[in-house]
C-alpha cells in the first residue's frame, strides 16, 4: 500500500518530484486526486486488496457538493442542497431577490424586540453556512445575520429570509476552476474592512476573498 504523509485528519498526501497524490476520507466515502495516473491505479489496487470497495468513477457528488468535470475545467456547486434548504423552510415558492441583503443595511441587537424561535433561526443560519464553500457571494450577509443567533427578533428573521429569496433566483451559480498551465495559476487575495461599523459595539468588520487560478477558494 502506498505510504502517505498525514497532514490533517481525514486528509493524506504524497509527493514525488513534480508528482502529487491526495486522498480524502469521510466516514465510508473516499476521494483521491493528483497528476499521475499510475499512482491512481496503484492506490486503487492496494485498497481493493484490503477492503471491499465500489469504484464510482469521476466524482460527481460529495457531501452536498456537486461537481461537473469538463475538458476546460471543473465546476462546483450546490444546487440540489440549495433547493432542499428552500423546501425545508417553506420558501420554495417565494419571490426572487437580486441581492442577499439591502445595500447599507445595519442590523442591531434589538433588545426590546419580540423574540422569535431561535432554534429555527439557528437552523437557517447553519444550513446557509454550509453553502459558503461554493457561494462566497453569501458570506457577508450570512455571517452578519449569524451574530444575532443568541436572541433573534422579528427584524433579524427578515434578513435570512431575504437571503433565501436571493438564493431562489441564483441557484444556478457555480464556481469554475479553469484548466490552466502552471505558469498561469496565481494565488490572489483581496482584503477590506470598515472602521467602527458595528452599531452595537463599534467593532470593525473585515472581509476577504482568495482566488486560485480562476475560482475563489475562501
Protein backbone atom coordinates (compact mmCIF):
# COMPACT_ATOMS: atom_id res chain seq x y z
CA UNK A 1 0.00 0.00 0.00
CA UNK A 2 1.19 3.49 -0.77
CA UNK A 3 2.81 5.22 2.18
CA UNK A 4 1.12 8.55 2.70
CA UNK A 5 2.04 11.59 4.72
CA UNK A 6 -0.65 12.58 7.21
CA UNK A 7 -1.27 16.31 7.20
CA UNK A 8 -4.67 16.91 8.79
CA UNK A 9 -7.30 14.42 9.98
CA UNK A 10 -9.04 12.63 7.08
CA UNK A 11 -6.59 14.09 4.53
CA UNK A 12 -3.38 12.48 3.33
CA UNK A 13 -0.89 13.39 0.62
CA UNK A 14 2.17 12.04 -1.14
CA UNK A 15 4.59 13.98 -3.33
CA UNK A 16 7.42 12.73 -5.53
CA UNK A 17 9.34 15.25 -7.59
CA UNK A 18 6.74 17.01 -9.76
CA UNK A 19 4.01 14.47 -9.00
CA UNK A 20 1.49 14.61 -6.16
CA UNK A 21 -1.33 12.44 -4.84
CA UNK A 22 -4.05 13.45 -2.34
CA UNK A 23 -6.59 11.26 -0.53
CA UNK A 24 -9.57 12.49 1.49
CA UNK A 25 -11.66 10.15 3.67
CA UNK A 26 -15.02 10.92 5.29
CA UNK A 27 -16.69 8.01 7.13
CA UNK A 28 -17.03 5.45 4.31
CA UNK A 29 -16.58 7.85 1.37
CA UNK A 30 -13.12 8.23 -0.16
CA UNK A 31 -11.94 10.54 -2.92
CA UNK A 32 -8.48 10.97 -4.40
CA UNK A 33 -6.81 13.33 -6.84
CA UNK A 34 -3.40 14.08 -8.31
CA UNK A 35 -1.47 14.49 -11.53
CA UNK A 36 -0.04 10.98 -12.03
CA UNK A 37 -2.45 8.25 -13.14
CA UNK A 38 -0.03 5.41 -12.26
CA UNK A 39 -0.45 6.42 -8.62
CA UNK A 40 -4.23 6.20 -9.05
CA UNK A 41 -4.11 2.62 -10.25
CA UNK A 42 -1.56 1.53 -7.64
CA UNK A 43 -3.59 3.06 -4.83
CA UNK A 44 -6.87 1.63 -6.11
CA UNK A 45 -5.42 -1.87 -6.46
CA UNK A 46 -3.88 -1.79 -2.99
CA UNK A 47 -7.14 -0.61 -1.41
CA UNK A 48 -9.22 -3.23 -3.19
CA UNK A 49 -6.88 -5.95 -1.92
CA UNK A 50 -7.64 -4.89 1.67
CA UNK A 51 -11.23 -3.63 1.58
CA UNK A 52 -14.50 -4.12 -0.31
CA UNK A 53 -14.78 -1.01 -2.49
CA UNK A 54 -17.14 0.31 -5.14
CA UNK A 55 -15.45 2.48 -7.77
CA UNK A 56 -17.96 5.17 -8.80
CA UNK A 57 -15.66 6.80 -11.34
CA UNK A 58 -15.07 10.54 -11.53
CA UNK A 59 -16.54 12.45 -8.62
CA UNK A 60 -19.96 13.97 -9.31
CA UNK A 61 -21.39 14.47 -5.81
CA UNK A 62 -19.75 14.59 -2.38
CA UNK A 63 -21.21 15.79 0.93
CA UNK A 64 -23.79 18.04 -0.69
CA UNK A 65 -21.36 19.48 -3.26
CA UNK A 66 -21.99 18.76 -6.93
CA UNK A 67 -19.02 18.53 -9.30
CA UNK A 68 -19.02 18.71 -13.07
CA UNK A 69 -15.71 17.85 -14.72
CA UNK A 70 -15.12 19.07 -18.27
CA UNK A 71 -12.11 19.27 -20.54
CA UNK A 72 -11.97 23.03 -19.93
CA UNK A 73 -12.15 22.84 -16.14
CA UNK A 74 -14.19 21.83 -13.10
CA UNK A 75 -17.47 23.34 -11.88
CA UNK A 76 -18.51 23.01 -8.24
CA UNK A 77 -21.96 23.99 -7.00
CA UNK A 78 -24.72 23.05 -4.51
CA UNK A 79 -27.92 23.49 -6.49
CA UNK A 80 -29.63 20.39 -5.06
CA UNK A 81 -28.66 21.33 -1.50
CA UNK A 82 -29.93 24.89 -2.02
CA UNK A 83 -33.27 23.57 -3.28
CA UNK A 84 -33.57 21.36 -0.19
CA UNK A 85 -32.99 24.39 2.07
CA UNK A 86 -35.84 26.28 0.42
CA UNK A 87 -38.17 23.29 0.79
CA UNK A 88 -37.18 22.76 4.42
CA UNK A 89 -38.13 26.31 5.40
CA UNK A 90 -41.18 26.60 3.16
CA UNK A 91 -39.58 29.07 0.75
CA UNK A 92 -39.63 27.02 -2.46
CA UNK A 93 -42.34 29.26 -3.98
CA UNK A 94 -41.02 32.59 -2.67
CA UNK A 95 -40.26 35.65 -4.78
CA UNK A 96 -36.74 36.14 -6.10
CA UNK A 97 -34.44 38.96 -4.95
CA UNK A 98 -31.40 40.22 -6.83
CA UNK A 99 -29.27 40.93 -3.71
CA UNK A 100 -28.83 38.90 -0.49
CA UNK A 101 -29.09 41.97 1.72
CA UNK A 102 -30.32 45.55 1.39
CA UNK A 103 -27.25 47.66 0.49
CA UNK A 104 -26.13 49.64 3.53
CA UNK A 105 -28.40 47.68 5.87
CA UNK A 106 -27.30 47.78 9.52
CA UNK A 107 -28.62 45.19 11.98
CA UNK A 108 -28.65 45.80 15.74
CA UNK A 109 -29.36 43.63 18.79
CA UNK A 110 -32.92 44.96 19.18
CA UNK A 111 -33.08 44.07 22.88
CA UNK A 112 -36.67 45.37 23.21
CA UNK A 113 -37.95 43.49 20.16
CA UNK A 114 -40.17 40.41 20.27
CA UNK A 115 -38.13 37.21 20.42
CA UNK A 116 -38.52 34.66 17.62
CA UNK A 117 -37.97 30.89 17.50
CA UNK A 118 -34.20 30.75 17.99
CA UNK A 119 -33.99 27.05 17.09
CA UNK A 120 -35.42 27.60 13.61
CA UNK A 121 -33.30 30.74 13.21
CA UNK A 122 -30.12 28.81 14.06
CA UNK A 123 -31.13 26.03 11.68
CA UNK A 124 -31.50 28.56 8.86
CA UNK A 125 -28.08 30.04 9.53
CA UNK A 126 -26.46 26.62 9.86
CA UNK A 127 -27.87 25.48 6.52
CA UNK A 128 -26.74 28.70 4.82
CA UNK A 129 -23.27 28.43 6.36
CA UNK A 130 -22.74 25.11 4.58
CA UNK A 131 -23.34 26.87 1.26
CA UNK A 132 -20.45 29.30 1.66
CA UNK A 133 -17.84 26.93 0.23
CA UNK A 134 -19.40 27.26 -3.22
CA UNK A 135 -21.27 30.56 -2.74
CA UNK A 136 -18.83 33.22 -1.49
CA UNK A 137 -21.36 35.89 -2.56
CA UNK A 138 -23.41 34.90 0.51
CA UNK A 139 -20.55 35.08 3.02
CA UNK A 140 -21.00 38.65 4.24
CA UNK A 141 -24.78 38.58 4.65
CA UNK A 142 -24.86 35.13 6.31
CA UNK A 143 -22.06 35.97 8.75
CA UNK A 144 -23.73 39.28 9.56
CA UNK A 145 -27.03 37.61 10.47
CA UNK A 146 -25.20 34.88 12.43
CA UNK A 147 -24.21 37.48 15.04
CA UNK A 148 -27.78 37.52 16.35
CA UNK A 149 -28.43 33.80 16.87
CA UNK A 150 -28.46 34.16 20.67
CA UNK A 151 -31.70 36.18 20.74
CA UNK A 152 -33.20 36.75 17.29
CA UNK A 153 -36.15 39.12 16.94
CA UNK A 154 -38.53 39.93 14.10
CA UNK A 155 -36.11 42.31 12.38
CA UNK A 156 -33.42 39.61 12.42
CA UNK A 157 -35.68 36.95 10.90
CA UNK A 158 -36.31 39.14 7.86
CA UNK A 159 -32.60 39.01 6.94
CA UNK A 160 -32.13 35.22 6.44
CA UNK A 161 -35.47 35.06 4.62
CA UNK A 162 -34.18 37.67 2.18
CA UNK A 163 -31.03 35.58 1.70
CA UNK A 164 -33.23 32.58 0.87
CA UNK A 165 -35.15 34.68 -1.66
CA UNK A 166 -31.85 35.68 -3.26
CA UNK A 167 -30.82 32.02 -3.25
CA UNK A 168 -34.06 31.14 -5.03
CA UNK A 169 -33.06 33.29 -8.01
CA UNK A 170 -29.39 32.31 -8.12
CA UNK A 171 -29.33 28.55 -7.56
CA UNK A 172 -27.58 28.01 -10.89
CA UNK A 173 -24.48 29.99 -9.86
CA UNK A 174 -21.31 27.91 -9.62
CA UNK A 175 -17.55 28.25 -9.34
CA UNK A 176 -15.39 27.32 -12.33
CA UNK A 177 -11.78 26.24 -11.87
CA UNK A 178 -10.38 26.51 -15.38
CA UNK A 179 -7.74 24.16 -16.68
CA UNK A 180 -4.63 26.36 -16.83
CA UNK A 181 -0.92 25.95 -17.34
CA UNK A 182 1.18 26.05 -14.17
CA UNK A 183 2.65 29.40 -15.21
CA UNK A 184 -0.83 30.92 -15.45
CA UNK A 185 -2.01 29.84 -11.99
CA UNK A 186 -1.70 32.50 -9.30
CA UNK A 187 -2.97 32.88 -5.76
CA UNK A 188 -4.53 36.31 -5.35
CA UNK A 189 -6.21 37.84 -2.34
CA UNK A 190 -8.22 40.96 -1.53
CA UNK A 191 -8.94 42.35 1.91
CA UNK A 192 -11.17 45.19 3.06
CA UNK A 193 -12.59 46.45 6.35
CA UNK A 194 -14.66 49.29 7.71
CA UNK A 195 -13.96 51.38 10.78
CA UNK A 196 -16.24 51.04 13.82
CA UNK A 197 -19.08 49.89 11.58
CA UNK A 198 -20.92 47.75 14.14
CA UNK A 199 -23.71 49.79 15.69
CA UNK A 200 -23.75 47.73 18.91
CA UNK A 201 -20.09 47.65 19.94
CA UNK A 202 -18.36 49.78 17.27
CA UNK A 203 -16.08 46.93 16.21
CA UNK A 204 -14.57 46.78 12.74
CA UNK A 205 -15.88 44.36 10.13
CA UNK A 206 -13.28 42.75 7.86
CA UNK A 207 -13.82 40.80 4.65
CA UNK A 208 -11.54 38.94 2.27
CA UNK A 209 -11.52 36.65 -0.74
CA UNK A 210 -8.74 34.49 -2.15
CA UNK A 211 -8.72 33.22 -5.72
CA UNK A 212 -6.53 30.41 -7.02
CA UNK A 213 -6.42 30.34 -10.80
CA UNK A 214 -9.92 31.24 -11.95
CA UNK A 215 -12.02 30.39 -8.89
CA UNK A 216 -12.33 31.50 -5.29
CA UNK A 217 -11.12 29.12 -2.59
CA UNK A 218 -12.13 31.10 0.53
